């Protein structure tokens, strides 16, 4: 592997870390489309395992940054993590039985659906809270159900789950966006670790560690950059960026699955 390739992987990791941490999505929404488009020979379980391992490193790095900013609600994060872990483990088992074409269609349609929902929500005036300095009362049971489903999708699709978890926390649990992104990142760190361990147990990461390590080198720094940028970006803009990214990537992956 040449020096140019190594630098390329590190820079890609930097992009993933910055973008994923900024919107609290972990970065899997960038990793998965990249691999599905340019590494079609890799099986879904391998791609998902690589993505989860990198997202885990990103979520851990980003969580440290958000902890310093005191934006993580640890009570919610721990409860949501406990609910998400079983789903993450289940997803790592189910993925082995899904054909690549079906996998692409499911992945693409989920991204398009959520992206469209977020875009219409902001457009129709359902602006997320941004400036609030505290989290209002929320339904813990609903939050744990959401987290369990997020854990399943996270491990199944290798996207970290933040693209689902953050908007759900904002619109269903009434979390201010910046608290949602930080708390979601903390939850992602736990659930992706569980999913990654399950993939390691099933030997899905054999021969992939060099790529993972190179990406993690960039991700760790990118996560710190993304956390700092999040302080300067308004909540509504974060949701719009997330929505646009989801729709664009979802269309590309759905086309590939047809």
C-alpha atoms as a PDB file:
ATOM      1  CA  UNK A   1       0.000   0.000   0.000  1.00  0.00           C
ATOM      2  CA  UNK A   2       1.537   3.297  -1.147  1.00  0.00           C
ATOM      3  CA  UNK A   3       1.941   6.473   0.892  1.00  0.00           C
ATOM      4  CA  UNK A   4      -0.717   8.220  -1.198  1.00  0.00           C
ATOM      5  CA  UNK A   5      -3.252   5.524  -0.379  1.00  0.00           C
ATOM      6  CA  UNK A   6      -2.423   5.712   3.325  1.00  0.00           C
ATOM      7  CA  UNK A   7      -2.845   9.497   3.356  1.00  0.00           C
ATOM      8  CA  UNK A   8      -6.096   9.104   1.429  1.00  0.00           C
ATOM      9  CA  UNK A   9      -7.555   6.747   4.056  1.00  0.00           C
ATOM     10  CA  UNK A  10      -6.470   9.040   6.885  1.00  0.00           C
ATOM     11  CA  UNK A  11      -8.042  12.087   5.183  1.00  0.00           C
ATOM     12  CA  UNK A  12     -11.240  10.151   4.578  1.00  0.00           C
ATOM     13  CA  UNK A  13     -11.266   9.284   8.278  1.00  0.00           C
ATOM     14  CA  UNK A  14     -10.788  12.969   9.086  1.00  0.00           C
ATOM     15  CA  UNK A  15     -13.845  13.823   6.961  1.00  0.00           C
ATOM     16  CA  UNK A  16     -15.883  11.062   8.589  1.00  0.00           C
ATOM     17  CA  UNK A  17     -14.893  12.170  12.079  1.00  0.00           C
ATOM     18  CA  UNK A  18     -15.648  15.833  11.448  1.00  0.00           C
ATOM     19  CA  UNK A  19     -18.978  15.340   9.677  1.00  0.00           C
ATOM     20  CA  UNK A  20     -20.166  12.508  11.885  1.00  0.00           C
ATOM     21  CA  UNK A  21     -19.453  14.315  15.147  1.00  0.00           C
ATOM     22  CA  UNK A  22     -20.893  17.636  13.937  1.00  0.00           C
ATOM     23  CA  UNK A  23     -24.333  16.105  13.461  1.00  0.00           C
ATOM     24  CA  UNK A  24     -24.016  13.345  16.071  1.00  0.00           C
ATOM     25  CA  UNK A  25     -24.393  10.594  13.477  1.00  0.00           C
ATOM     26  CA  UNK A  26     -21.086   8.819  14.003  1.00  0.00           C
ATOM     27  CA  UNK A  27     -20.003   9.005  10.353  1.00  0.00           C
ATOM     28  CA  UNK A  28     -21.255   5.629   9.167  1.00  0.00           C
ATOM     29  CA  UNK A  29     -23.560   7.385   6.709  1.00  0.00           C
ATOM     30  CA  UNK A  30     -20.368   8.459   4.879  1.00  0.00           C
ATOM     31  CA  UNK A  31     -18.426   5.218   5.248  1.00  0.00           C
ATOM     32  CA  UNK A  32     -21.122   2.799   4.084  1.00  0.00           C
ATOM     33  CA  UNK A  33     -21.986   4.505   0.762  1.00  0.00           C
ATOM     34  CA  UNK A  34     -18.254   4.872  -0.002  1.00  0.00           C
ATOM     35  CA  UNK A  35     -17.634   1.163   0.454  1.00  0.00           C
ATOM     36  CA  UNK A  36     -20.847   0.077  -1.264  1.00  0.00           C
ATOM     37  CA  UNK A  37     -19.937   2.164  -4.311  1.00  0.00           C
ATOM     38  CA  UNK A  38     -16.174   1.570  -4.575  1.00  0.00           C
ATOM     39  CA  UNK A  39     -15.711  -1.841  -2.912  1.00  0.00           C
ATOM     40  CA  UNK A  40     -18.561  -3.869  -4.369  1.00  0.00           C
ATOM     41  CA  UNK A  41     -16.618  -7.102  -3.889  1.00  0.00           C
ATOM     42  CA  UNK A  42     -16.825  -6.893  -0.104  1.00  0.00           C
ATOM     43  CA  UNK A  43     -19.707  -8.662   1.633  1.00  0.00           C
ATOM     44  CA  UNK A  44     -22.285  -6.599   3.576  1.00  0.00           C
ATOM     45  CA  UNK A  45     -21.211  -8.057   6.931  1.00  0.00           C
ATOM     46  CA  UNK A  46     -17.577  -7.047   6.285  1.00  0.00           C
ATOM     47  CA  UNK A  47     -18.486  -3.513   5.210  1.00  0.00           C
ATOM     48  CA  UNK A  48     -20.824  -3.094   8.158  1.00  0.00           C
ATOM     49  CA  UNK A  49     -18.157  -4.399  10.570  1.00  0.00           C
ATOM     50  CA  UNK A  50     -15.520  -1.972   9.244  1.00  0.00           C
ATOM     51  CA  UNK A  51     -17.935   0.940   9.482  1.00  0.00           C
ATOM     52  CA  UNK A  52     -18.994   0.103  13.033  1.00  0.00           C
ATOM     53  CA  UNK A  53     -15.388  -0.204  14.223  1.00  0.00           C
ATOM     54  CA  UNK A  54     -14.502   3.225  12.814  1.00  0.00           C
ATOM     55  CA  UNK A  55     -17.735   4.799  14.081  1.00  0.00           C
ATOM     56  CA  UNK A  56     -16.957   3.406  17.540  1.00  0.00           C
ATOM     57  CA  UNK A  57     -13.582   5.185  17.556  1.00  0.00           C
ATOM     58  CA  UNK A  58     -15.242   8.362  16.297  1.00  0.00           C
ATOM     59  CA  UNK A  59     -17.988   8.217  18.916  1.00  0.00           C
ATOM     60  CA  UNK A  60     -15.474   7.664  21.725  1.00  0.00           C
ATOM     61  CA  UNK A  61     -13.313  10.597  20.605  1.00  0.00           C
ATOM     62  CA  UNK A  62     -16.327  12.856  20.079  1.00  0.00           C
ATOM     63  CA  UNK A  63     -17.789  11.889  23.455  1.00  0.00           C
ATOM     64  CA  UNK A  64     -14.639  13.039  25.218  1.00  0.00           C
ATOM     65  CA  UNK A  65     -14.939  16.408  23.475  1.00  0.00           C
ATOM     66  CA  UNK A  66     -18.643  16.743  24.277  1.00  0.00           C
ATOM     67  CA  UNK A  67     -18.015  15.711  27.895  1.00  0.00           C
ATOM     68  CA  UNK A  68     -15.684  18.684  28.296  1.00  0.00           C
ATOM     69  CA  UNK A  69     -18.476  20.911  26.969  1.00  0.00           C
ATOM     70  CA  UNK A  70     -20.888  19.322  29.495  1.00  0.00           C
ATOM     71  CA  UNK A  71     -23.481  18.602  26.826  1.00  0.00           C
ATOM     72  CA  UNK A  72     -23.945  14.872  27.471  1.00  0.00           C
ATOM     73  CA  UNK A  73     -26.958  13.810  29.510  1.00  0.00           C
ATOM     74  CA  UNK A  74     -25.423  10.732  31.131  1.00  0.00           C
ATOM     75  CA  UNK A  75     -28.656   9.394  32.616  1.00  0.00           C
ATOM     76  CA  UNK A  76     -30.310   9.317  29.198  1.00  0.00           C
ATOM     77  CA  UNK A  77     -27.115   8.094  27.553  1.00  0.00           C
ATOM     78  CA  UNK A  78     -26.737   5.122  29.902  1.00  0.00           C
ATOM     79  CA  UNK A  79     -30.415   4.127  29.695  1.00  0.00           C
ATOM     80  CA  UNK A  80     -30.436   4.442  25.908  1.00  0.00           C
ATOM     81  CA  UNK A  81     -27.211   2.430  25.688  1.00  0.00           C
ATOM     82  CA  UNK A  82     -28.660  -0.413  27.751  1.00  0.00           C
ATOM     83  CA  UNK A  83     -31.597  -0.560  25.346  1.00  0.00           C
ATOM     84  CA  UNK A  84     -29.459  -0.263  22.222  1.00  0.00           C
ATOM     85  CA  UNK A  85     -26.867  -2.979  22.918  1.00  0.00           C
ATOM     86  CA  UNK A  86     -29.210  -5.997  22.429  1.00  0.00           C
ATOM     87  CA  UNK A  87     -30.356  -4.520  19.120  1.00  0.00           C
ATOM     88  CA  UNK A  88     -26.768  -3.962  18.004  1.00  0.00           C
ATOM     89  CA  UNK A  89     -25.847  -7.573  18.712  1.00  0.00           C
ATOM     90  CA  UNK A  90     -28.982  -8.841  16.929  1.00  0.00           C
ATOM     91  CA  UNK A  91     -28.186  -6.729  13.866  1.00  0.00           C
ATOM     92  CA  UNK A  92     -24.702  -8.227  13.580  1.00  0.00           C
ATOM     93  CA  UNK A  93     -26.305 -11.687  13.405  1.00  0.00           C
ATOM     94  CA  UNK A  94     -29.133 -10.880  10.972  1.00  0.00           C
ATOM     95  CA  UNK A  95     -26.903  -9.206   8.385  1.00  0.00           C
ATOM     96  CA  UNK A  96     -25.237 -12.498   7.478  1.00  0.00           C
ATOM     97  CA  UNK A  97     -28.502 -13.652   5.894  1.00  0.00           C
ATOM     98  CA  UNK A  98     -29.279 -10.613   3.720  1.00  0.00           C
ATOM     99  CA  UNK A  99     -28.282 -10.612  -0.025  1.00  0.00           C
ATOM    100  CA  UNK A 100     -26.268  -7.573  -1.188  1.00  0.00           C
ATOM    101  CA  UNK A 101     -29.007  -6.286  -3.541  1.00  0.00           C
ATOM    102  CA  UNK A 102     -31.658  -6.446  -0.849  1.00  0.00           C
ATOM    103  CA  UNK A 103     -29.214  -4.870   1.582  1.00  0.00           C
ATOM    104  CA  UNK A 104     -28.629  -1.902  -0.749  1.00  0.00           C
ATOM    105  CA  UNK A 105     -32.360  -1.344  -1.266  1.00  0.00           C
ATOM    106  CA  UNK A 106     -33.145  -1.447   2.445  1.00  0.00           C
ATOM    107  CA  UNK A 107     -30.251   0.863   3.255  1.00  0.00           C
ATOM    108  CA  UNK A 108     -31.073   3.349   0.491  1.00  0.00           C
ATOM    109  CA  UNK A 109     -34.801   3.550   1.196  1.00  0.00           C
ATOM    110  CA  UNK A 110     -34.249   4.075   4.935  1.00  0.00           C
ATOM    111  CA  UNK A 111     -31.882   6.964   4.237  1.00  0.00           C
ATOM    112  CA  UNK A 112     -34.268   8.583   1.733  1.00  0.00           C
ATOM    113  CA  UNK A 113     -37.240   8.246   4.090  1.00  0.00           C
ATOM    114  CA  UNK A 114     -35.525   9.824   7.062  1.00  0.00           C
ATOM    115  CA  UNK A 115     -33.900  12.534   4.957  1.00  0.00           C
ATOM    116  CA  UNK A 116     -37.232  13.532   3.441  1.00  0.00           C
ATOM    117  CA  UNK A 117     -38.922  13.554   6.839  1.00  0.00           C
ATOM    118  CA  UNK A 118     -36.251  15.809   8.331  1.00  0.00           C
ATOM    119  CA  UNK A 119     -36.276  18.182   5.369  1.00  0.00           C
ATOM    120  CA  UNK A 120     -40.071  18.569   5.447  1.00  0.00           C
ATOM    121  CA  UNK A 121     -40.050  19.001   9.218  1.00  0.00           C
ATOM    122  CA  UNK A 122     -37.665  21.957   9.092  1.00  0.00           C
ATOM    123  CA  UNK A 123     -39.377  23.392   6.018  1.00  0.00           C
ATOM    124  CA  UNK A 124     -42.785  23.256   7.744  1.00  0.00           C
ATOM    125  CA  UNK A 125     -41.496  25.193  10.707  1.00  0.00           C
ATOM    126  CA  UNK A 126     -40.803  22.348  13.115  1.00  0.00           C
ATOM    127  CA  UNK A 127     -37.475  23.874  14.045  1.00  0.00           C
ATOM    128  CA  UNK A 128     -35.505  21.980  16.660  1.00  0.00           C
ATOM    129  CA  UNK A 129     -34.529  23.695  19.899  1.00  0.00           C
ATOM    130  CA  UNK A 130     -30.980  24.989  19.860  1.00  0.00           C
ATOM    131  CA  UNK A 131     -30.317  27.647  22.452  1.00  0.00           C
ATOM    132  CA  UNK A 132     -31.870  25.782  25.406  1.00  0.00           C
ATOM    133  CA  UNK A 133     -29.449  25.127  28.249  1.00  0.00           C
ATOM    134  CA  UNK A 134     -31.355  22.232  29.767  1.00  0.00           C
ATOM    135  CA  UNK A 135     -33.354  19.187  28.670  1.00  0.00           C
ATOM    136  CA  UNK A 136     -37.113  19.243  29.346  1.00  0.00           C
ATOM    137  CA  UNK A 137     -38.877  16.148  30.784  1.00  0.00           C
ATOM    138  CA  UNK A 138     -38.992  13.298  28.265  1.00  0.00           C
ATOM    139  CA  UNK A 139     -40.585   9.847  27.981  1.00  0.00           C
ATOM    140  CA  UNK A 140     -37.879   7.396  29.073  1.00  0.00           C
ATOM    141  CA  UNK A 141     -39.757   4.344  27.756  1.00  0.00           C
ATOM    142  CA  UNK A 142     -40.145   5.867  24.302  1.00  0.00           C
ATOM    143  CA  UNK A 143     -36.465   6.809  24.349  1.00  0.00           C
ATOM    144  CA  UNK A 144     -35.428   3.252  25.175  1.00  0.00           C
ATOM    145  CA  UNK A 145     -37.638   1.771  22.434  1.00  0.00           C
ATOM    146  CA  UNK A 146     -36.134   4.209  19.935  1.00  0.00           C
ATOM    147  CA  UNK A 147     -32.649   3.278  21.123  1.00  0.00           C
ATOM    148  CA  UNK A 148     -33.333  -0.462  20.794  1.00  0.00           C
ATOM    149  CA  UNK A 149     -34.442   0.008  17.177  1.00  0.00           C
ATOM    150  CA  UNK A 150     -31.499   2.316  16.551  1.00  0.00           C
ATOM    151  CA  UNK A 151     -29.115  -0.336  17.861  1.00  0.00           C
ATOM    152  CA  UNK A 152     -30.577  -2.904  15.470  1.00  0.00           C
ATOM    153  CA  UNK A 153     -30.364  -0.597  12.442  1.00  0.00           C
ATOM    154  CA  UNK A 154     -26.932   0.594  13.543  1.00  0.00           C
ATOM    155  CA  UNK A 155     -25.375  -2.845  13.485  1.00  0.00           C
ATOM    156  CA  UNK A 156     -27.419  -4.089  10.541  1.00  0.00           C
ATOM    157  CA  UNK A 157     -26.532  -1.212   8.231  1.00  0.00           C
ATOM    158  CA  UNK A 158     -23.210  -0.186   9.771  1.00  0.00           C
ATOM    159  CA  UNK A 159     -24.219   3.477   9.915  1.00  0.00           C
ATOM    160  CA  UNK A 160     -23.821   4.006  13.647  1.00  0.00           C
ATOM    161  CA  UNK A 161     -27.484   4.833  14.092  1.00  0.00           C
ATOM    162  CA  UNK A 162     -27.021   8.517  14.839  1.00  0.00           C
ATOM    163  CA  UNK A 163     -28.850   9.566  11.688  1.00  0.00           C
ATOM    164  CA  UNK A 164     -31.930   7.971  13.231  1.00  0.00           C
ATOM    165  CA  UNK A 165     -31.250   8.564  16.913  1.00  0.00           C
ATOM    166  CA  UNK A 166     -30.598  12.326  16.742  1.00  0.00           C
ATOM    167  CA  UNK A 167     -33.780  13.338  14.873  1.00  0.00           C
ATOM    168  CA  UNK A 168     -35.867  10.988  17.028  1.00  0.00           C
ATOM    169  CA  UNK A 169     -34.442  12.547  20.198  1.00  0.00           C
ATOM    170  CA  UNK A 170     -35.083  16.030  18.826  1.00  0.00           C
ATOM    171  CA  UNK A 171     -38.616  15.576  17.496  1.00  0.00           C
ATOM    172  CA  UNK A 172     -40.060  12.846  19.740  1.00  0.00           C
ATOM    173  CA  UNK A 173     -38.225  13.428  23.021  1.00  0.00           C
ATOM    174  CA  UNK A 174     -37.891  17.218  22.650  1.00  0.00           C
ATOM    175  CA  UNK A 175     -34.111  17.283  23.214  1.00  0.00           C
ATOM    176  CA  UNK A 176     -32.318  20.503  22.128  1.00  0.00           C
ATOM    177  CA  UNK A 177     -30.212  19.596  19.079  1.00  0.00           C
ATOM    178  CA  UNK A 178     -26.816  20.097  20.692  1.00  0.00           C
ATOM    179  CA  UNK A 179     -27.757  17.955  23.689  1.00  0.00           C
ATOM    180  CA  UNK A 180     -29.172  15.333  21.321  1.00  0.00           C
ATOM    181  CA  UNK A 181     -26.014  15.142  19.192  1.00  0.00           C
ATOM    182  CA  UNK A 182     -23.765  14.862  22.253  1.00  0.00           C
ATOM    183  CA  UNK A 183     -25.908  12.308  24.105  1.00  0.00           C
ATOM    184  CA  UNK A 184     -26.413  10.318  20.911  1.00  0.00           C
ATOM    185  CA  UNK A 185     -22.644  10.239  20.415  1.00  0.00           C
ATOM    186  CA  UNK A 186     -22.187   8.830  23.902  1.00  0.00           C
ATOM    187  CA  UNK A 187     -24.832   6.169  23.202  1.00  0.00           C
ATOM    188  CA  UNK A 188     -23.203   5.384  19.853  1.00  0.00           C
ATOM    189  CA  UNK A 189     -19.876   4.718  21.547  1.00  0.00           C
ATOM    190  CA  UNK A 190     -21.462   1.990  23.665  1.00  0.00           C
ATOM    191  CA  UNK A 191     -23.718   0.392  21.049  1.00  0.00           C
ATOM    192  CA  UNK A 192     -21.103   0.334  18.274  1.00  0.00           C
ATOM    193  CA  UNK A 193     -18.598  -1.234  20.656  1.00  0.00           C
ATOM    194  CA  UNK A 194     -21.103  -4.039  21.316  1.00  0.00           C
ATOM    195  CA  UNK A 195     -21.746  -4.463  17.596  1.00  0.00           C
ATOM    196  CA  UNK A 196     -18.031  -4.441  16.780  1.00  0.00           C
ATOM    197  CA  UNK A 197     -17.282  -7.094  19.399  1.00  0.00           C
ATOM    198  CA  UNK A 198     -20.033  -9.267  17.911  1.00  0.00           C
ATOM    199  CA  UNK A 199     -18.535  -8.840  14.417  1.00  0.00           C
ATOM    200  CA  UNK A 200     -15.064  -9.723  15.731  1.00  0.00           C
ATOM    201  CA  UNK A 201     -16.527 -12.870  17.308  1.00  0.00           C
ATOM    202  CA  UNK A 202     -17.954 -13.844  13.920  1.00  0.00           C
ATOM    203  CA  UNK A 203     -14.586 -13.092  12.244  1.00  0.00           C
ATOM    204  CA  UNK A 204     -16.068 -10.404   9.973  1.00  0.00           C
ATOM    205  CA  UNK A 205     -13.030  -8.104  10.424  1.00  0.00           C
ATOM    206  CA  UNK A 206     -10.345 -10.612   9.412  1.00  0.00           C
ATOM    207  CA  UNK A 207      -7.834  -8.902   7.104  1.00  0.00           C
ATOM    208  CA  UNK A 208      -9.487  -5.469   7.442  1.00  0.00           C
ATOM    209  CA  UNK A 209      -7.564  -3.996  10.383  1.00  0.00           C
ATOM    210  CA  UNK A 210      -5.032  -1.979   8.352  1.00  0.00           C
ATOM    211  CA  UNK A 211      -7.800   0.037   6.680  1.00  0.00           C
ATOM    212  CA  UNK A 212      -9.590   0.442  10.007  1.00  0.00           C
ATOM    213  CA  UNK A 213      -6.479   1.714  11.813  1.00  0.00           C
ATOM    214  CA  UNK A 214      -5.704   4.236   9.061  1.00  0.00           C
ATOM    215  CA  UNK A 215      -9.243   5.592   9.124  1.00  0.00           C
ATOM    216  CA  UNK A 216      -9.240   5.766  12.921  1.00  0.00           C
ATOM    217  CA  UNK A 217      -6.097   7.906  12.775  1.00  0.00           C
ATOM    218  CA  UNK A 218      -8.102  10.526  10.894  1.00  0.00           C
ATOM    219  CA  UNK A 219     -11.372   9.982  12.735  1.00  0.00           C
ATOM    220  CA  UNK A 220      -9.994  10.759  16.188  1.00  0.00           C
ATOM    221  CA  UNK A 221      -8.789  14.205  15.094  1.00  0.00           C
ATOM    222  CA  UNK A 222     -11.878  14.830  12.968  1.00  0.00           C
ATOM    223  CA  UNK A 223     -14.168  14.147  15.926  1.00  0.00           C
ATOM    224  CA  UNK A 224     -12.504  16.911  17.921  1.00  0.00           C
ATOM    225  CA  UNK A 225     -12.900  19.324  14.995  1.00  0.00           C
ATOM    226  CA  UNK A 226     -16.568  18.371  14.527  1.00  0.00           C
ATOM    227  CA  UNK A 227     -17.351  18.902  18.204  1.00  0.00           C
ATOM    228  CA  UNK A 228     -15.830  22.404  18.113  1.00  0.00           C
ATOM    229  CA  UNK A 229     -17.662  23.286  14.894  1.00  0.00           C
ATOM    230  CA  UNK A 230     -20.961  22.193  16.443  1.00  0.00           C
ATOM    231  CA  UNK A 231     -20.723  25.117  18.862  1.00  0.00           C
ATOM    232  CA  UNK A 232     -20.886  27.543  15.947  1.00  0.00           C
ATOM    233  CA  UNK A 233     -23.557  25.880  13.810  1.00  0.00           C
ATOM    234  CA  UNK A 234     -27.272  26.412  14.472  1.00  0.00           C
ATOM    235  CA  UNK A 235     -29.469  23.400  15.194  1.00  0.00           C
ATOM    236  CA  UNK A 236     -31.758  23.904  12.183  1.00  0.00           C
ATOM    237  CA  UNK A 237     -28.768  23.995   9.829  1.00  0.00           C
ATOM    238  CA  UNK A 238     -27.419  20.775  11.307  1.00  0.00           C
ATOM    239  CA  UNK A 239     -30.766  19.073  10.601  1.00  0.00           C
ATOM    240  CA  UNK A 240     -30.814  20.439   7.034  1.00  0.00           C
ATOM    241  CA  UNK A 241     -27.286  19.183   6.361  1.00  0.00           C
ATOM    242  CA  UNK A 242     -28.235  15.791   7.740  1.00  0.00           C
ATOM    243  CA  UNK A 243     -31.414  15.651   5.626  1.00  0.00           C
ATOM    244  CA  UNK A 244     -29.646  16.600   2.396  1.00  0.00           C
ATOM    245  CA  UNK A 245     -26.885  14.080   2.977  1.00  0.00           C
ATOM    246  CA  UNK A 246     -29.343  11.291   3.702  1.00  0.00           C
ATOM    247  CA  UNK A 247     -31.411  11.902   0.559  1.00  0.00           C
ATOM    248  CA  UNK A 248     -28.394  12.170  -1.757  1.00  0.00           C
ATOM    249  CA  UNK A 249     -26.660   9.074  -0.436  1.00  0.00           C
ATOM    250  CA  UNK A 250     -29.927   7.140  -0.214  1.00  0.00           C
ATOM    251  CA  UNK A 251     -30.735   7.761  -3.882  1.00  0.00           C
ATOM    252  CA  UNK A 252     -27.285   6.604  -4.946  1.00  0.00           C
ATOM    253  CA  UNK A 253     -27.419   3.387  -2.927  1.00  0.00           C
ATOM    254  CA  UNK A 254     -31.015   2.598  -3.930  1.00  0.00           C
ATOM    255  CA  UNK A 255     -30.073   2.951  -7.614  1.00  0.00           C
ATOM    256  CA  UNK A 256     -27.206   0.537  -7.056  1.00  0.00           C
ATOM    257  CA  UNK A 257     -29.556  -1.979  -5.484  1.00  0.00           C
ATOM    258  CA  UNK A 258     -32.026  -1.976  -8.397  1.00  0.00           C
END
